Amino acid sequence: LSGRASRIDGMSWLGARKNFAGDLA
């Protein structure tokens, strides 16, 4: 969420989402 990581292990599906923060919050 802070932009320090480009991907999260086990959550590769988030790369295709436009609302990254909204999905993770």
mmCIF file of all heavy atoms, coordinates in Angstrom:
data_MODEL
# 
_entry.id   MODEL 
# 
loop_
_atom_site.group_PDB 
_atom_site.id 
_atom_site.type_symbol 
_atom_site.label_atom_id 
_atom_site.label_alt_id 
_atom_site.label_comp_id 
_atom_site.label_asym_id 
_atom_site.label_entity_id 
_atom_site.label_seq_id 
_atom_site.pdbx_PDB_ins_code 
_atom_site.Cartn_x 
_atom_site.Cartn_y 
_atom_site.Cartn_z 
_atom_site.occupancy 
_atom_site.B_iso_or_equiv 
_atom_site.pdbx_formal_charge 
_atom_site.auth_seq_id 
_atom_site.auth_comp_id 
_atom_site.auth_asym_id 
_atom_site.auth_atom_id 
_atom_site.pdbx_PDB_model_num 
ATOM 1   N N   . LEU A 1 1  ? 0.813   -1.209  0.000   1.00 0.00 ? 1  LEU A N   1 
ATOM 2   C CA  . LEU A 1 1  ? 0.000   0.000   0.000   1.00 0.00 ? 1  LEU A CA  1 
ATOM 3   C C   . LEU A 1 1  ? 0.853   1.268   0.000   1.00 0.00 ? 1  LEU A C   1 
ATOM 4   O O   . LEU A 1 1  ? 0.451   2.287   -0.548  1.00 0.00 ? 1  LEU A O   1 
ATOM 5   C CB  . LEU A 1 1  ? -0.944  0.012   1.212   1.00 0.00 ? 1  LEU A CB  1 
ATOM 6   C CG  . LEU A 1 1  ? -2.102  -0.969  1.148   1.00 0.00 ? 1  LEU A CG  1 
ATOM 7   C CD1 . LEU A 1 1  ? -2.842  -1.010  2.473   1.00 0.00 ? 1  LEU A CD1 1 
ATOM 8   C CD2 . LEU A 1 1  ? -3.053  -0.603  0.014   1.00 0.00 ? 1  LEU A CD2 1 
ATOM 9   N N   . SER A 1 2  ? 2.033   1.187   0.597   1.00 0.00 ? 2  SER A N   1 
ATOM 10  C CA  . SER A 1 2  ? 2.904   2.366   0.640   1.00 0.00 ? 2  SER A CA  1 
ATOM 11  C C   . SER A 1 2  ? 3.774   2.484   -0.600  1.00 0.00 ? 2  SER A C   1 
ATOM 12  O O   . SER A 1 2  ? 4.512   3.449   -0.744  1.00 0.00 ? 2  SER A O   1 
ATOM 13  C CB  . SER A 1 2  ? 3.782   2.319   1.888   1.00 0.00 ? 2  SER A CB  1 
ATOM 14  O OG  . SER A 1 2  ? 4.737   1.282   1.756   1.00 0.00 ? 2  SER A OG  1 
ATOM 15  N N   . GLY A 1 3  ? 3.710   1.470   -1.469  1.00 0.00 ? 3  GLY A N   1 
ATOM 16  C CA  . GLY A 1 3  ? 4.501   1.502   -2.690  1.00 0.00 ? 3  GLY A CA  1 
ATOM 17  C C   . GLY A 1 3  ? 5.889   0.913   -2.530  1.00 0.00 ? 3  GLY A C   1 
ATOM 18  O O   . GLY A 1 3  ? 6.690   0.948   -3.456  1.00 0.00 ? 3  GLY A O   1 
ATOM 19  N N   . ARG A 1 4  ? 6.198   0.355   -1.369  1.00 0.00 ? 4  ARG A N   1 
ATOM 20  C CA  . ARG A 1 4  ? 7.521   -0.241  -1.152  1.00 0.00 ? 4  ARG A CA  1 
ATOM 21  C C   . ARG A 1 4  ? 7.621   -1.651  -1.723  1.00 0.00 ? 4  ARG A C   1 
ATOM 22  O O   . ARG A 1 4  ? 8.710   -2.189  -1.819  1.00 0.00 ? 4  ARG A O   1 
ATOM 23  C CB  . ARG A 1 4  ? 7.832   -0.275  0.343   1.00 0.00 ? 4  ARG A CB  1 
ATOM 24  C CG  . ARG A 1 4  ? 7.999   1.105   0.949   1.00 0.00 ? 4  ARG A CG  1 
ATOM 25  C CD  . ARG A 1 4  ? 8.395   1.000   2.403   1.00 0.00 ? 4  ARG A CD  1 
ATOM 26  N NE  . ARG A 1 4  ? 7.483   0.127   3.137   1.00 0.00 ? 4  ARG A NE  1 
ATOM 27  C CZ  . ARG A 1 4  ? 6.798   0.473   4.203   1.00 0.00 ? 4  ARG A CZ  1 
ATOM 28  N NH1 . ARG A 1 4  ? 6.923   1.676   4.710   1.00 0.00 ? 4  ARG A NH1 1 
ATOM 29  N NH2 . ARG A 1 4  ? 5.994   -0.381  4.811   1.00 0.00 ? 4  ARG A NH2 1 
ATOM 30  N N   . ALA A 1 5  ? 6.496   -2.262  -2.064  1.00 0.00 ? 5  ALA A N   1 
ATOM 31  C CA  . ALA A 1 5  ? 6.511   -3.612  -2.629  1.00 0.00 ? 5  ALA A CA  1 
ATOM 32  C C   . ALA A 1 5  ? 5.709   -3.603  -3.918  1.00 0.00 ? 5  ALA A C   1 
ATOM 33  O O   . ALA A 1 5  ? 4.641   -3.019  -3.995  1.00 0.00 ? 5  ALA A O   1 
ATOM 34  C CB  . ALA A 1 5  ? 5.913   -4.603  -1.649  1.00 0.00 ? 5  ALA A CB  1 
ATOM 35  N N   . SER A 1 6  ? 6.252   -4.264  -4.940  1.00 0.00 ? 6  SER A N   1 
ATOM 36  C CA  . SER A 1 6  ? 5.560   -4.290  -6.226  1.00 0.00 ? 6  SER A CA  1 
ATOM 37  C C   . SER A 1 6  ? 4.539   -5.416  -6.302  1.00 0.00 ? 6  SER A C   1 
ATOM 38  O O   . SER A 1 6  ? 3.622   -5.370  -7.106  1.00 0.00 ? 6  SER A O   1 
ATOM 39  C CB  . SER A 1 6  ? 6.567   -4.442  -7.361  1.00 0.00 ? 6  SER A CB  1 
ATOM 40  O OG  . SER A 1 6  ? 7.317   -5.622  -7.182  1.00 0.00 ? 6  SER A OG  1 
ATOM 41  N N   . ARG A 1 7  ? 4.699   -6.451  -5.468  1.00 0.00 ? 7  ARG A N   1 
ATOM 42  C CA  . ARG A 1 7  ? 3.733   -7.546  -5.444  1.00 0.00 ? 7  ARG A CA  1 
ATOM 43  C C   . ARG A 1 7  ? 3.739   -8.172  -4.059  1.00 0.00 ? 7  ARG A C   1 
ATOM 44  O O   . ARG A 1 7  ? 4.663   -8.004  -3.277  1.00 0.00 ? 7  ARG A O   1 
ATOM 45  C CB  . ARG A 1 7  ? 4.036   -8.592  -6.509  1.00 0.00 ? 7  ARG A CB  1 
ATOM 46  C CG  . ARG A 1 7  ? 5.251   -9.430  -6.249  1.00 0.00 ? 7  ARG A CG  1 
ATOM 47  C CD  . ARG A 1 7  ? 5.431   -10.455 -7.385  1.00 0.00 ? 7  ARG A CD  1 
ATOM 48  N NE  . ARG A 1 7  ? 6.410   -11.447 -7.062  1.00 0.00 ? 7  ARG A NE  1 
ATOM 49  C CZ  . ARG A 1 7  ? 6.208   -12.542 -6.356  1.00 0.00 ? 7  ARG A CZ  1 
ATOM 50  N NH1 . ARG A 1 7  ? 5.010   -12.807 -5.908  1.00 0.00 ? 7  ARG A NH1 1 
ATOM 51  N NH2 . ARG A 1 7  ? 7.164   -13.400 -6.104  1.00 0.00 ? 7  ARG A NH2 1 
ATOM 52  N N   . ILE A 1 8  ? 2.675   -8.911  -3.786  1.00 0.00 ? 8  ILE A N   1 
ATOM 53  C CA  . ILE A 1 8  ? 2.553   -9.597  -2.505  1.00 0.00 ? 8  ILE A CA  1 
ATOM 54  C C   . ILE A 1 8  ? 2.411   -11.084 -2.798  1.00 0.00 ? 8  ILE A C   1 
ATOM 55  O O   . ILE A 1 8  ? 1.542   -11.487 -3.563  1.00 0.00 ? 8  ILE A O   1 
ATOM 56  C CB  . ILE A 1 8  ? 1.318   -9.100  -1.720  1.00 0.00 ? 8  ILE A CB  1 
ATOM 57  C CG1 . ILE A 1 8  ? 1.378   -7.595  -1.535  1.00 0.00 ? 8  ILE A CG1 1 
ATOM 58  C CG2 . ILE A 1 8  ? 1.211   -9.808  -0.391  1.00 0.00 ? 8  ILE A CG2 1 
ATOM 59  C CD1 . ILE A 1 8  ? 0.129   -7.017  -0.901  1.00 0.00 ? 8  ILE A CD1 1 
ATOM 60  N N   . ASP A 1 9  ? 3.275   -11.884 -2.209  1.00 0.00 ? 9  ASP A N   1 
ATOM 61  C CA  . ASP A 1 9  ? 3.186   -13.331 -2.403  1.00 0.00 ? 9  ASP A CA  1 
ATOM 62  C C   . ASP A 1 9  ? 1.798   -13.834 -2.045  1.00 0.00 ? 9  ASP A C   1 
ATOM 63  O O   . ASP A 1 9  ? 1.236   -13.448 -1.027  1.00 0.00 ? 9  ASP A O   1 
ATOM 64  C CB  . ASP A 1 9  ? 4.215   -14.059 -1.526  1.00 0.00 ? 9  ASP A CB  1 
ATOM 65  C CG  . ASP A 1 9  ? 5.645   -13.782 -1.959  1.00 0.00 ? 9  ASP A CG  1 
ATOM 66  O OD1 . ASP A 1 9  ? 5.840   -13.418 -3.130  1.00 0.00 ? 9  ASP A OD1 1 
ATOM 67  O OD2 . ASP A 1 9  ? 6.554   -13.941 -1.123  1.00 0.00 ? 9  ASP A OD2 1 
ATOM 68  N N   . GLY A 1 10 ? 1.255   -14.686 -2.909  1.00 0.00 ? 10 GLY A N   1 
ATOM 69  C CA  . GLY A 1 10 ? -0.056  -15.258 -2.650  1.00 0.00 ? 10 GLY A CA  1 
ATOM 70  C C   . GLY A 1 10 ? -1.210  -14.363 -3.060  1.00 0.00 ? 10 GLY A C   1 
ATOM 71  O O   . GLY A 1 10 ? -2.362  -14.714 -2.899  1.00 0.00 ? 10 GLY A O   1 
ATOM 72  N N   . MET A 1 11 ? -0.914  -13.166 -3.574  1.00 0.00 ? 11 MET A N   1 
ATOM 73  C CA  . MET A 1 11 ? -1.976  -12.243 -3.982  1.00 0.00 ? 11 MET A CA  1 
ATOM 74  C C   . MET A 1 11 ? -1.698  -11.689 -5.376  1.00 0.00 ? 11 MET A C   1 
ATOM 75  O O   . MET A 1 11 ? -1.881  -10.511 -5.635  1.00 0.00 ? 11 MET A O   1 
ATOM 76  C CB  . MET A 1 11 ? -2.099  -11.090 -2.978  1.00 0.00 ? 11 MET A CB  1 
ATOM 77  C CG  . MET A 1 11 ? -2.527  -11.517 -1.618  1.00 0.00 ? 11 MET A CG  1 
ATOM 78  S SD  . MET A 1 11 ? -2.750  -10.101 -0.561  1.00 0.00 ? 11 MET A SD  1 
ATOM 79  C CE  . MET A 1 11 ? -3.302  -10.877 0.918   1.00 0.00 ? 11 MET A CE  1 
ATOM 80  N N   . SER A 1 12 ? -1.251  -12.554 -6.273  1.00 0.00 ? 12 SER A N   1 
ATOM 81  C CA  . SER A 1 12 ? -0.910  -12.110 -7.620  1.00 0.00 ? 12 SER A CA  1 
ATOM 82  C C   . SER A 1 12 ? -2.122  -11.571 -8.376  1.00 0.00 ? 12 SER A C   1 
ATOM 83  O O   . SER A 1 12 ? -1.982  -10.779 -9.294  1.00 0.00 ? 12 SER A O   1 
ATOM 84  C CB  . SER A 1 12 ? -0.273  -13.253 -8.410  1.00 0.00 ? 12 SER A CB  1 
ATOM 85  O OG  . SER A 1 12 ? -1.156  -14.352 -8.441  1.00 0.00 ? 12 SER A OG  1 
ATOM 86  N N   . TRP A 1 13 ? -3.336  -11.976 -7.971  1.00 0.00 ? 13 TRP A N   1 
ATOM 87  C CA  . TRP A 1 13 ? -4.561  -11.508 -8.626  1.00 0.00 ? 13 TRP A CA  1 
ATOM 88  C C   . TRP A 1 13 ? -4.732  -10.008 -8.498  1.00 0.00 ? 13 TRP A C   1 
ATOM 89  O O   . TRP A 1 13 ? -5.454  -9.392  -9.273  1.00 0.00 ? 13 TRP A O   1 
ATOM 90  C CB  . TRP A 1 13 ? -5.778  -12.230 -8.054  1.00 0.00 ? 13 TRP A CB  1 
ATOM 91  C CG  . TRP A 1 13 ? -5.912  -12.089 -6.570  1.00 0.00 ? 13 TRP A CG  1 
ATOM 92  C CD1 . TRP A 1 13 ? -5.389  -12.917 -5.625  1.00 0.00 ? 13 TRP A CD1 1 
ATOM 93  C CD2 . TRP A 1 13 ? -6.597  -11.064 -5.857  1.00 0.00 ? 13 TRP A CD2 1 
ATOM 94  N NE1 . TRP A 1 13 ? -5.700  -12.477 -4.366  1.00 0.00 ? 13 TRP A NE1 1 
ATOM 95  C CE2 . TRP A 1 13 ? -6.442  -11.340 -4.474  1.00 0.00 ? 13 TRP A CE2 1 
ATOM 96  C CE3 . TRP A 1 13 ? -7.324  -9.936  -6.234  1.00 0.00 ? 13 TRP A CE3 1 
ATOM 97  C CZ2 . TRP A 1 13 ? -6.988  -10.537 -3.484  1.00 0.00 ? 13 TRP A CZ2 1 
ATOM 98  C CZ3 . TRP A 1 13 ? -7.869  -9.141  -5.240  1.00 0.00 ? 13 TRP A CZ3 1 
ATOM 99  C CH2 . TRP A 1 13 ? -7.692  -9.432  -3.894  1.00 0.00 ? 13 TRP A CH2 1 
ATOM 100 N N   . LEU A 1 14 ? -4.063  -9.386  -7.527  1.00 0.00 ? 14 LEU A N   1 
ATOM 101 C CA  . LEU A 1 14 ? -4.227  -7.943  -7.325  1.00 0.00 ? 14 LEU A CA  1 
ATOM 102 C C   . LEU A 1 14 ? -3.591  -7.117  -8.436  1.00 0.00 ? 14 LEU A C   1 
ATOM 103 O O   . LEU A 1 14 ? -3.971  -5.976  -8.649  1.00 0.00 ? 14 LEU A O   1 
ATOM 104 C CB  . LEU A 1 14 ? -3.630  -7.524  -5.975  1.00 0.00 ? 14 LEU A CB  1 
ATOM 105 C CG  . LEU A 1 14 ? -4.441  -7.955  -4.767  1.00 0.00 ? 14 LEU A CG  1 
ATOM 106 C CD1 . LEU A 1 14 ? -3.673  -7.703  -3.499  1.00 0.00 ? 14 LEU A CD1 1 
ATOM 107 C CD2 . LEU A 1 14 ? -5.768  -7.235  -4.733  1.00 0.00 ? 14 LEU A CD2 1 
ATOM 108 N N   . GLY A 1 15 ? -2.633  -7.711  -9.156  1.00 0.00 ? 15 GLY A N   1 
ATOM 109 C CA  . GLY A 1 15 ? -1.962  -6.965  -10.222 1.00 0.00 ? 15 GLY A CA  1 
ATOM 110 C C   . GLY A 1 15 ? -2.917  -6.520  -11.313 1.00 0.00 ? 15 GLY A C   1 
ATOM 111 O O   . GLY A 1 15 ? -2.731  -5.477  -11.930 1.00 0.00 ? 15 GLY A O   1 
ATOM 112 N N   . ALA A 1 16 ? -3.962  -7.274  -11.551 1.00 0.00 ? 16 ALA A N   1 
ATOM 113 C CA  . ALA A 1 16 ? -4.921  -6.944  -12.594 1.00 0.00 ? 16 ALA A CA  1 
ATOM 114 C C   . ALA A 1 16 ? -5.984  -5.962  -12.126 1.00 0.00 ? 16 ALA A C   1 
ATOM 115 O O   . ALA A 1 16 ? -6.737  -5.426  -12.924 1.00 0.00 ? 16 ALA A O   1 
ATOM 116 C CB  . ALA A 1 16 ? -5.586  -8.222  -13.100 1.00 0.00 ? 16 ALA A CB  1 
ATOM 117 N N   . ARG A 1 17 ? -6.061  -5.707  -10.868 1.00 0.00 ? 17 ARG A N   1 
ATOM 118 C CA  . ARG A 1 17 ? -7.077  -4.809  -10.325 1.00 0.00 ? 17 ARG A CA  1 
ATOM 119 C C   . ARG A 1 17 ? -6.644  -3.362  -10.450 1.00 0.00 ? 17 ARG A C   1 
ATOM 120 O O   . ARG A 1 17 ? -5.481  -3.028  -10.282 1.00 0.00 ? 17 ARG A O   1 
ATOM 121 C CB  . ARG A 1 17 ? -7.313  -5.115  -8.836  1.00 0.00 ? 17 ARG A CB  1 
ATOM 122 C CG  . ARG A 1 17 ? -7.733  -6.525  -8.559  1.00 0.00 ? 17 ARG A CG  1 
ATOM 123 C CD  . ARG A 1 17 ? -9.216  -6.583  -8.561  1.00 0.00 ? 17 ARG A CD  1 
ATOM 124 N NE  . ARG A 1 17 ? -9.639  -7.936  -8.237  1.00 0.00 ? 17 ARG A NE  1 
ATOM 125 C CZ  . ARG A 1 17 ? -10.711 -8.199  -7.581  1.00 0.00 ? 17 ARG A CZ  1 
ATOM 126 N NH1 . ARG A 1 17 ? -11.474 -7.238  -7.166  1.00 0.00 ? 17 ARG A NH1 1 
ATOM 127 N NH2 . ARG A 1 17 ? -11.054 -9.437  -7.350  1.00 0.00 ? 17 ARG A NH2 1 
ATOM 128 N N   . LYS A 1 18 ? -7.603  -2.501  -10.665 1.00 0.00 ? 18 LYS A N   1 
ATOM 129 C CA  . LYS A 1 18 ? -7.301  -1.078  -10.766 1.00 0.00 ? 18 LYS A CA  1 
ATOM 130 C C   . LYS A 1 18 ? -7.308  -0.408  -9.397  1.00 0.00 ? 18 LYS A C   1 
ATOM 131 O O   . LYS A 1 18 ? -6.567  0.516   -9.158  1.00 0.00 ? 18 LYS A O   1 
ATOM 132 C CB  . LYS A 1 18 ? -8.315  -0.395  -11.686 1.00 0.00 ? 18 LYS A CB  1 
ATOM 133 C CG  . LYS A 1 18 ? -8.169  -0.844  -13.116 1.00 0.00 ? 18 LYS A CG  1 
ATOM 134 C CD  . LYS A 1 18 ? -9.089  -0.100  -14.020 1.00 0.00 ? 18 LYS A CD  1 
ATOM 135 C CE  . LYS A 1 18 ? -8.829  -0.673  -15.406 1.00 0.00 ? 18 LYS A CE  1 
ATOM 136 N NZ  . LYS A 1 18 ? -9.422  -0.050  -16.460 1.00 0.00 ? 18 LYS A NZ  1 
ATOM 137 N N   . ASN A 1 19 ? -8.151  -0.884  -8.497  1.00 0.00 ? 19 ASN A N   1 
ATOM 138 C CA  . ASN A 1 19 ? -8.284  -0.281  -7.177  1.00 0.00 ? 19 ASN A CA  1 
ATOM 139 C C   . ASN A 1 19 ? -7.500  -1.108  -6.159  1.00 0.00 ? 19 ASN A C   1 
ATOM 140 O O   . ASN A 1 19 ? -8.062  -1.732  -5.276  1.00 0.00 ? 19 ASN A O   1 
ATOM 141 C CB  . ASN A 1 19 ? -9.758  -0.190  -6.786  1.00 0.00 ? 19 ASN A CB  1 
ATOM 142 C CG  . ASN A 1 19 ? -9.962  0.588   -5.507  1.00 0.00 ? 19 ASN A CG  1 
ATOM 143 O OD1 . ASN A 1 19 ? -9.010  1.134   -4.952  1.00 0.00 ? 19 ASN A OD1 1 
ATOM 144 N ND2 . ASN A 1 19 ? -11.183 0.619   -5.036  1.00 0.00 ? 19 ASN A ND2 1 
ATOM 145 N N   . PHE A 1 20 ? -6.187  -1.075  -6.295  1.00 0.00 ? 20 PHE A N   1 
ATOM 146 C CA  . PHE A 1 20 ? -5.287  -1.864  -5.465  1.00 0.00 ? 20 PHE A CA  1 
ATOM 147 C C   . PHE A 1 20 ? -5.510  -1.584  -3.984  1.00 0.00 ? 20 PHE A C   1 
ATOM 148 O O   . PHE A 1 20 ? -5.710  -2.487  -3.191  1.00 0.00 ? 20 PHE A O   1 
ATOM 149 C CB  . PHE A 1 20 ? -3.849  -1.535  -5.882  1.00 0.00 ? 20 PHE A CB  1 
ATOM 150 C CG  . PHE A 1 20 ? -2.806  -2.404  -5.281  1.00 0.00 ? 20 PHE A CG  1 
ATOM 151 C CD1 . PHE A 1 20 ? -2.696  -3.731  -5.637  1.00 0.00 ? 20 PHE A CD1 1 
ATOM 152 C CD2 . PHE A 1 20 ? -1.908  -1.886  -4.361  1.00 0.00 ? 20 PHE A CD2 1 
ATOM 153 C CE1 . PHE A 1 20 ? -1.714  -4.540  -5.101  1.00 0.00 ? 20 PHE A CE1 1 
ATOM 154 C CE2 . PHE A 1 20 ? -0.922  -2.686  -3.816  1.00 0.00 ? 20 PHE A CE2 1 
ATOM 155 C CZ  . PHE A 1 20 ? -0.831  -4.013  -4.190  1.00 0.00 ? 20 PHE A CZ  1 
ATOM 156 N N   . ALA A 1 21 ? -5.480  -0.316  -3.597  1.00 0.00 ? 21 ALA A N   1 
ATOM 157 C CA  . ALA A 1 21 ? -5.645  0.065   -2.195  1.00 0.00 ? 21 ALA A CA  1 
ATOM 158 C C   . ALA A 1 21 ? -7.038  -0.302  -1.688  1.00 0.00 ? 21 ALA A C   1 
ATOM 159 O O   . ALA A 1 21 ? -7.197  -0.777  -0.557  1.00 0.00 ? 21 ALA A O   1 
ATOM 160 C CB  . ALA A 1 21 ? -5.389  1.550   -2.002  1.00 0.00 ? 21 ALA A CB  1 
ATOM 161 N N   . GLY A 1 22 ? -8.044  -0.108  -2.510  1.00 0.00 ? 22 GLY A N   1 
ATOM 162 C CA  . GLY A 1 22 ? -9.410  -0.433  -2.113  1.00 0.00 ? 22 GLY A CA  1 
ATOM 163 C C   . GLY A 1 22 ? -9.606  -1.912  -1.882  1.00 0.00 ? 22 GLY A C   1 
ATOM 164 O O   . GLY A 1 22 ? -10.414 -2.320  -1.043  1.00 0.00 ? 22 GLY A O   1 
ATOM 165 N N   . ASP A 1 23 ? -8.859  -2.732  -2.624  1.00 0.00 ? 23 ASP A N   1 
ATOM 166 C CA  . ASP A 1 23 ? -8.948  -4.184  -2.448  1.00 0.00 ? 23 ASP A CA  1 
ATOM 167 C C   . ASP A 1 23 ? -8.223  -4.643  -1.187  1.00 0.00 ? 23 ASP A C   1 
ATOM 168 O O   . ASP A 1 23 ? -8.641  -5.599  -0.540  1.00 0.00 ? 23 ASP A O   1 
ATOM 169 C CB  . ASP A 1 23 ? -8.344  -4.912  -3.650  1.00 0.00 ? 23 ASP A CB  1 
ATOM 170 C CG  . ASP A 1 23 ? -9.179  -4.742  -4.907  1.00 0.00 ? 23 ASP A CG  1 
ATOM 171 O OD1 . ASP A 1 23 ? -10.404 -4.551  -4.784  1.00 0.00 ? 23 ASP A OD1 1 
ATOM 172 O OD2 . ASP A 1 23 ? -8.607  -4.795  -6.004  1.00 0.00 ? 23 ASP A OD2 1 
ATOM 173 N N   . LEU A 1 24 ? -7.139  -3.971  -0.857  1.00 0.00 ? 24 LEU A N   1 
ATOM 174 C CA  . LEU A 1 24 ? -6.317  -4.408  0.264   1.00 0.00 ? 24 LEU A CA  1 
ATOM 175 C C   . LEU A 1 24 ? -6.752  -3.831  1.608   1.00 0.00 ? 24 LEU A C   1 
ATOM 176 O O   . LEU A 1 24 ? -6.529  -4.452  2.642   1.00 0.00 ? 24 LEU A O   1 
ATOM 177 C CB  . LEU A 1 24 ? -4.854  -4.035  0.023   1.00 0.00 ? 24 LEU A CB  1 
ATOM 178 C CG  . LEU A 1 24 ? -4.125  -4.853  -1.036  1.00 0.00 ? 24 LEU A CG  1 
ATOM 179 C CD1 . LEU A 1 24 ? -2.705  -4.339  -1.219  1.00 0.00 ? 24 LEU A CD1 1 
ATOM 180 C CD2 . LEU A 1 24 ? -4.106  -6.317  -0.668  1.00 0.00 ? 24 LEU A CD2 1 
ATOM 181 N N   . ALA A 1 25 ? -7.340  -2.661  1.608   1.00 0.00 ? 25 ALA A N   1 
ATOM 182 C CA  . ALA A 1 25 ? -7.691  -1.997  2.869   1.00 0.00 ? 25 ALA A CA  1 
ATOM 183 C C   . ALA A 1 25 ? -8.610  -2.848  3.755   1.00 0.00 ? 25 ALA A C   1 
ATOM 184 O O   . ALA A 1 25 ? -8.328  -2.994  4.953   1.00 0.00 ? 25 ALA A O   1 
ATOM 185 C CB  . ALA A 1 25 ? -8.306  -0.627  2.601   1.00 0.00 ? 25 ALA A CB  1 
# 
